[in-house]
Amino acid sequence: MGKGDKKSKRGKIALGSYGNSRRKKTIKARLKRSASKKKLAAVAKEKPKRATKKS
């Protein structure tokens, strides 16, 4: 069970194939989530924080 095994996740990554142990749908969803988090982090950095009023 290593890089040469077609049925293991590591083997599928090495071969560049998909299947039960390496779903294409879940990989795409994970990449989409991480991309949106990076966008939010970039937007949060750009906006300056408002100064609070002290009475």
PDB file of N, CA and C in Angstrom:
ATOM      1  N   MET A   1       0.840  -1.177   0.000  1.00  0.00           N
ATOM      2  CA  MET A   1       0.000   0.000   0.000  1.00  0.00           C
ATOM      3  C   MET A   1       0.886   1.241   0.000  1.00  0.00           C
ATOM      4  N   GLY A   2       1.210   1.659  -1.178  1.00  0.00           N
ATOM      5  CA  GLY A   2       2.041   2.846  -1.316  1.00  0.00           C
ATOM      6  C   GLY A   2       1.723   3.571  -2.598  1.00  0.00           C
ATOM      7  N   LYS A   3       2.745   4.171  -3.177  1.00  0.00           N
ATOM      8  CA  LYS A   3       2.538   4.967  -4.387  1.00  0.00           C
ATOM      9  C   LYS A   3       2.147   4.127  -5.604  1.00  0.00           C
ATOM     10  N   GLY A   4       2.495   2.868  -5.609  1.00  0.00           N
ATOM     11  CA  GLY A   4       2.174   2.027  -6.754  1.00  0.00           C
ATOM     12  C   GLY A   4       0.818   1.355  -6.665  1.00  0.00           C
ATOM     13  N   ASP A   5       0.170   1.441  -5.509  1.00  0.00           N
ATOM     14  CA  ASP A   5      -1.111   0.775  -5.288  1.00  0.00           C
ATOM     15  C   ASP A   5      -2.248   1.621  -5.844  1.00  0.00           C
ATOM     16  N   LYS A   6      -2.958   1.099  -6.828  1.00  0.00           N
ATOM     17  CA  LYS A   6      -4.033   1.854  -7.491  1.00  0.00           C
ATOM     18  C   LYS A   6      -5.238   2.094  -6.586  1.00  0.00           C
ATOM     19  N   LYS A   7      -5.387   1.284  -5.538  1.00  0.00           N
ATOM     20  CA  LYS A   7      -6.585   1.401  -4.702  1.00  0.00           C
ATOM     21  C   LYS A   7      -6.412   2.337  -3.510  1.00  0.00           C
ATOM     22  N   SER A   8      -5.182   2.705  -3.169  1.00  0.00           N
ATOM     23  CA  SER A   8      -4.965   3.578  -2.019  1.00  0.00           C
ATOM     24  C   SER A   8      -4.983   5.043  -2.444  1.00  0.00           C
ATOM     25  N   LYS A   9      -5.219   5.916  -1.479  1.00  0.00           N
ATOM     26  CA  LYS A   9      -5.275   7.348  -1.768  1.00  0.00           C
ATOM     27  C   LYS A   9      -3.922   7.845  -2.273  1.00  0.00           C
ATOM     28  N   ARG A  10      -2.858   7.407  -1.655  1.00  0.00           N
ATOM     29  CA  ARG A  10      -1.511   7.833  -2.058  1.00  0.00           C
ATOM     30  C   ARG A  10      -1.199   7.361  -3.479  1.00  0.00           C
ATOM     31  N   GLY A  11      -1.630   6.156  -3.816  1.00  0.00           N
ATOM     32  CA  GLY A  11      -1.419   5.640  -5.158  1.00  0.00           C
ATOM     33  C   GLY A  11      -2.197   6.423  -6.198  1.00  0.00           C
ATOM     34  N   LYS A  12      -3.413   6.814  -5.850  1.00  0.00           N
ATOM     35  CA  LYS A  12      -4.230   7.590  -6.774  1.00  0.00           C
ATOM     36  C   LYS A  12      -3.638   8.980  -6.983  1.00  0.00           C
ATOM     37  N   ILE A  13      -3.064   9.559  -5.947  1.00  0.00           N
ATOM     38  CA  ILE A  13      -2.407  10.861  -6.089  1.00  0.00           C
ATOM     39  C   ILE A  13      -1.209  10.717  -7.022  1.00  0.00           C
ATOM     40  N   ALA A  14      -0.425   9.651  -6.832  1.00  0.00           N
ATOM     41  CA  ALA A  14       0.763   9.417  -7.666  1.00  0.00           C
ATOM     42  C   ALA A  14       0.376   9.181  -9.126  1.00  0.00           C
ATOM     43  N   LEU A  15      -0.716   8.442  -9.357  1.00  0.00           N
ATOM     44  CA  LEU A  15      -1.155   8.143 -10.715  1.00  0.00           C
ATOM     45  C   LEU A  15      -1.979   9.273 -11.335  1.00  0.00           C
ATOM     46  N   GLY A  16      -2.509  10.150 -10.482  1.00  0.00           N
ATOM     47  CA  GLY A  16      -3.334  11.251 -10.979  1.00  0.00           C
ATOM     48  C   GLY A  16      -4.740  10.820 -11.324  1.00  0.00           C
ATOM     49  N   SER A  17      -5.237   9.780 -10.646  1.00  0.00           N
ATOM     50  CA  SER A  17      -6.589   9.298 -10.918  1.00  0.00           C
ATOM     51  C   SER A  17      -7.489   9.565  -9.718  1.00  0.00           C
ATOM     52  N   TYR A  18      -8.778   9.333  -9.907  1.00  0.00           N
ATOM     53  CA  TYR A  18      -9.766   9.547  -8.857  1.00  0.00           C
ATOM     54  C   TYR A  18     -10.574   8.268  -8.676  1.00  0.00           C
ATOM     55  N   GLY A  19     -11.275   8.151  -7.549  1.00  0.00           N
ATOM     56  CA  GLY A  19     -12.098   6.980  -7.285  1.00  0.00           C
ATOM     57  C   GLY A  19     -12.682   7.063  -5.897  1.00  0.00           C
ATOM     58  N   ASN A  20     -13.024   5.912  -5.325  1.00  0.00           N
ATOM     59  CA  ASN A  20     -13.655   5.880  -4.010  1.00  0.00           C
ATOM     60  C   ASN A  20     -12.768   6.449  -2.913  1.00  0.00           C
ATOM     61  N   SER A  21     -11.487   6.174  -2.955  1.00  0.00           N
ATOM     62  CA  SER A  21     -10.597   6.652  -1.898  1.00  0.00           C
ATOM     63  C   SER A  21     -10.096   8.071  -2.138  1.00  0.00           C
ATOM     64  N   ARG A  22     -10.338   8.592  -3.332  1.00  0.00           N
ATOM     65  CA  ARG A  22      -9.940   9.969  -3.654  1.00  0.00           C
ATOM     66  C   ARG A  22     -11.006  10.586  -4.543  1.00  0.00           C
ATOM     67  N   ARG A  23     -11.974  11.232  -3.905  1.00  0.00           N
ATOM     68  CA  ARG A  23     -13.125  11.802  -4.613  1.00  0.00           C
ATOM     69  C   ARG A  23     -12.771  13.152  -5.212  1.00  0.00           C
ATOM     70  N   LYS A  24     -13.166  13.362  -6.438  1.00  0.00           N
ATOM     71  CA  LYS A  24     -12.906  14.632  -7.122  1.00  0.00           C
ATOM     72  C   LYS A  24     -13.786  15.737  -6.540  1.00  0.00           C
ATOM     73  N   LYS A  25     -15.017  15.382  -6.190  1.00  0.00           N
ATOM     74  CA  LYS A  25     -15.976  16.357  -5.678  1.00  0.00           C
ATOM     75  C   LYS A  25     -15.500  16.969  -4.355  1.00  0.00           C
ATOM     76  N   THR A  26     -14.998  16.146  -3.442  1.00  0.00           N
ATOM     77  CA  THR A  26     -14.555  16.660  -2.150  1.00  0.00           C
ATOM     78  C   THR A  26     -13.284  17.483  -2.281  1.00  0.00           C
ATOM     79  N   ILE A  27     -12.420  17.123  -3.217  1.00  0.00           N
ATOM     80  CA  ILE A  27     -11.190  17.880  -3.427  1.00  0.00           C
ATOM     81  C   ILE A  27     -11.528  19.268  -3.960  1.00  0.00           C
ATOM     82  N   LYS A  28     -12.448  19.345  -4.916  1.00  0.00           N
ATOM     83  CA  LYS A  28     -12.857  20.636  -5.471  1.00  0.00           C
ATOM     84  C   LYS A  28     -13.497  21.513  -4.402  1.00  0.00           C
ATOM     85  N   ALA A  29     -14.324  20.907  -3.545  1.00  0.00           N
ATOM     86  CA  ALA A  29     -14.986  21.667  -2.482  1.00  0.00           C
ATOM     87  C   ALA A  29     -13.954  22.228  -1.510  1.00  0.00           C
ATOM     88  N   ARG A  30     -12.937  21.437  -1.174  1.00  0.00           N
ATOM     89  CA  ARG A  30     -11.892  21.871  -0.250  1.00  0.00           C
ATOM     90  C   ARG A  30     -11.100  23.029  -0.850  1.00  0.00           C
ATOM     91  N   LEU A  31     -10.775  22.943  -2.131  1.00  0.00           N
ATOM     92  CA  LEU A  31     -10.035  24.018  -2.792  1.00  0.00           C
ATOM     93  C   LEU A  31     -10.859  25.297  -2.864  1.00  0.00           C
ATOM     94  N   LYS A  32     -12.152  25.147  -3.101  1.00  0.00           N
ATOM     95  CA  LYS A  32     -13.037  26.301  -3.178  1.00  0.00           C
ATOM     96  C   LYS A  32     -13.121  27.009  -1.827  1.00  0.00           C
ATOM     97  N   ARG A  33     -13.227  26.231  -0.740  1.00  0.00           N
ATOM     98  CA  ARG A  33     -13.283  26.812   0.612  1.00  0.00           C
ATOM     99  C   ARG A  33     -12.003  27.569   0.939  1.00  0.00           C
ATOM    100  N   SER A  34     -10.852  26.988   0.633  1.00  0.00           N
ATOM    101  CA  SER A  34      -9.586  27.636   0.969  1.00  0.00           C
ATOM    102  C   SER A  34      -9.393  28.910   0.152  1.00  0.00           C
ATOM    103  N   ALA A  35      -9.856  28.914  -1.097  1.00  0.00           N
ATOM    104  CA  ALA A  35      -9.744  30.106  -1.935  1.00  0.00           C
ATOM    105  C   ALA A  35     -10.603  31.233  -1.385  1.00  0.00           C
ATOM    106  N   SER A  36     -11.804  30.907  -0.915  1.00  0.00           N
ATOM    107  CA  SER A  36     -12.684  31.945  -0.384  1.00  0.00           C
ATOM    108  C   SER A  36     -12.146  32.493   0.936  1.00  0.00           C
ATOM    109  N   LYS A  37     -11.493  31.653   1.743  1.00  0.00           N
ATOM    110  CA  LYS A  37     -10.891  32.125   2.997  1.00  0.00           C
ATOM    111  C   LYS A  37      -9.747  33.079   2.715  1.00  0.00           C
ATOM    112  N   LYS A  38      -8.961  32.797   1.676  1.00  0.00           N
ATOM    113  CA  LYS A  38      -7.850  33.680   1.317  1.00  0.00           C
ATOM    114  C   LYS A  38      -8.372  35.024   0.849  1.00  0.00           C
ATOM    115  N   LYS A  39      -9.482  35.019   0.089  1.00  0.00           N
ATOM    116  CA  LYS A  39     -10.080  36.268  -0.373  1.00  0.00           C
ATOM    117  C   LYS A  39     -10.550  37.103   0.807  1.00  0.00           C
ATOM    118  N   LEU A  40     -11.215  36.464   1.764  1.00  0.00           N
ATOM    119  CA  LEU A  40     -11.723  37.177   2.936  1.00  0.00           C
ATOM    120  C   LEU A  40     -10.578  37.760   3.752  1.00  0.00           C
ATOM    121  N   ALA A  41      -9.494  37.029   3.872  1.00  0.00           N
ATOM    122  CA  ALA A  41      -8.343  37.511   4.629  1.00  0.00           C
ATOM    123  C   ALA A  41      -7.720  38.727   3.943  1.00  0.00           C
ATOM    124  N   ALA A  42      -7.664  38.716   2.624  1.00  0.00           N
ATOM    125  CA  ALA A  42      -7.098  39.836   1.871  1.00  0.00           C
ATOM    126  C   ALA A  42      -7.977  41.075   2.007  1.00  0.00           C
ATOM    127  N   VAL A  43      -9.282  40.893   1.961  1.00  0.00           N
ATOM    128  CA  VAL A  43     -10.214  42.016   2.099  1.00  0.00           C
ATOM    129  C   VAL A  43     -10.141  42.590   3.511  1.00  0.00           C
ATOM    130  N   ALA A  44     -10.027  41.728   4.507  1.00  0.00           N
ATOM    131  CA  ALA A  44      -9.958  42.187   5.894  1.00  0.00           C
ATOM    132  C   ALA A  44      -8.685  42.997   6.136  1.00  0.00           C
ATOM    133  N   LYS A  45      -7.601  42.645   5.489  1.00  0.00           N
ATOM    134  CA  LYS A  45      -6.350  43.387   5.648  1.00  0.00           C
ATOM    135  C   LYS A  45      -6.447  44.773   5.027  1.00  0.00           C
ATOM    136  N   GLU A  46      -7.140  44.891   3.908  1.00  0.00           N
ATOM    137  CA  GLU A  46      -7.228  46.153   3.194  1.00  0.00           C
ATOM    138  C   GLU A  46      -8.058  47.195   3.935  1.00  0.00           C
ATOM    139  N   LYS A  47      -9.130  46.767   4.585  1.00  0.00           N
ATOM    140  CA  LYS A  47     -10.019  47.712   5.257  1.00  0.00           C
ATOM    141  C   LYS A  47      -9.400  48.189   6.564  1.00  0.00           C
ATOM    142  N   PRO A  48      -9.302  49.509   6.751  1.00  0.00           N
ATOM    143  CA  PRO A  48      -8.806  50.016   8.033  1.00  0.00           C
ATOM    144  C   PRO A  48      -9.900  49.918   9.094  1.00  0.00           C
ATOM    145  N   LYS A  49      -9.500  49.703  10.314  1.00  0.00           N
ATOM    146  CA  LYS A  49     -10.470  49.607  11.411  1.00  0.00           C
ATOM    147  C   LYS A  49     -10.916  51.006  11.808  1.00  0.00           C
ATOM    148  N   ARG A  50     -12.194  51.102  12.169  1.00  0.00           N
ATOM    149  CA  ARG A  50     -12.742  52.382  12.588  1.00  0.00           C
ATOM    150  C   ARG A  50     -12.272  52.695  14.009  1.00  0.00           C
ATOM    151  N   ALA A  51     -12.020  53.971  14.243  1.00  0.00           N
ATOM    152  CA  ALA A  51     -11.646  54.395  15.576  1.00  0.00           C
ATOM    153  C   ALA A  51     -12.887  54.479  16.448  1.00  0.00           C
ATOM    154  N   THR A  52     -12.785  54.016  17.663  1.00  0.00           N
ATOM    155  CA  THR A  52     -13.929  54.053  18.574  1.00  0.00           C
ATOM    156  C   THR A  52     -13.939  55.377  19.332  1.00  0.00           C
ATOM    157  N   LYS A  53     -15.138  55.880  19.592  1.00  0.00           N
ATOM    158  CA  LYS A  53     -15.279  57.129  20.333  1.00  0.00           C
ATOM    159  C   LYS A  53     -15.138  56.874  21.825  1.00  0.00           C
ATOM    160  N   LYS A  54     -14.384  57.705  22.470  1.00  0.00           N
ATOM    161  CA  LYS A  54     -14.246  57.617  23.936  1.00  0.00           C
ATOM    162  C   LYS A  54     -14.917  58.824  24.551  1.00  0.00           C
ATOM    163  N   SER A  55     -15.812  58.588  25.467  1.00  0.00           N
ATOM    164  CA  SER A  55     -16.563  59.688  26.084  1.00  0.00           C
ATOM    165  C   SER A  55     -15.909  60.134  27.371  1.00  0.00           C
TER     166      SER A  55
END
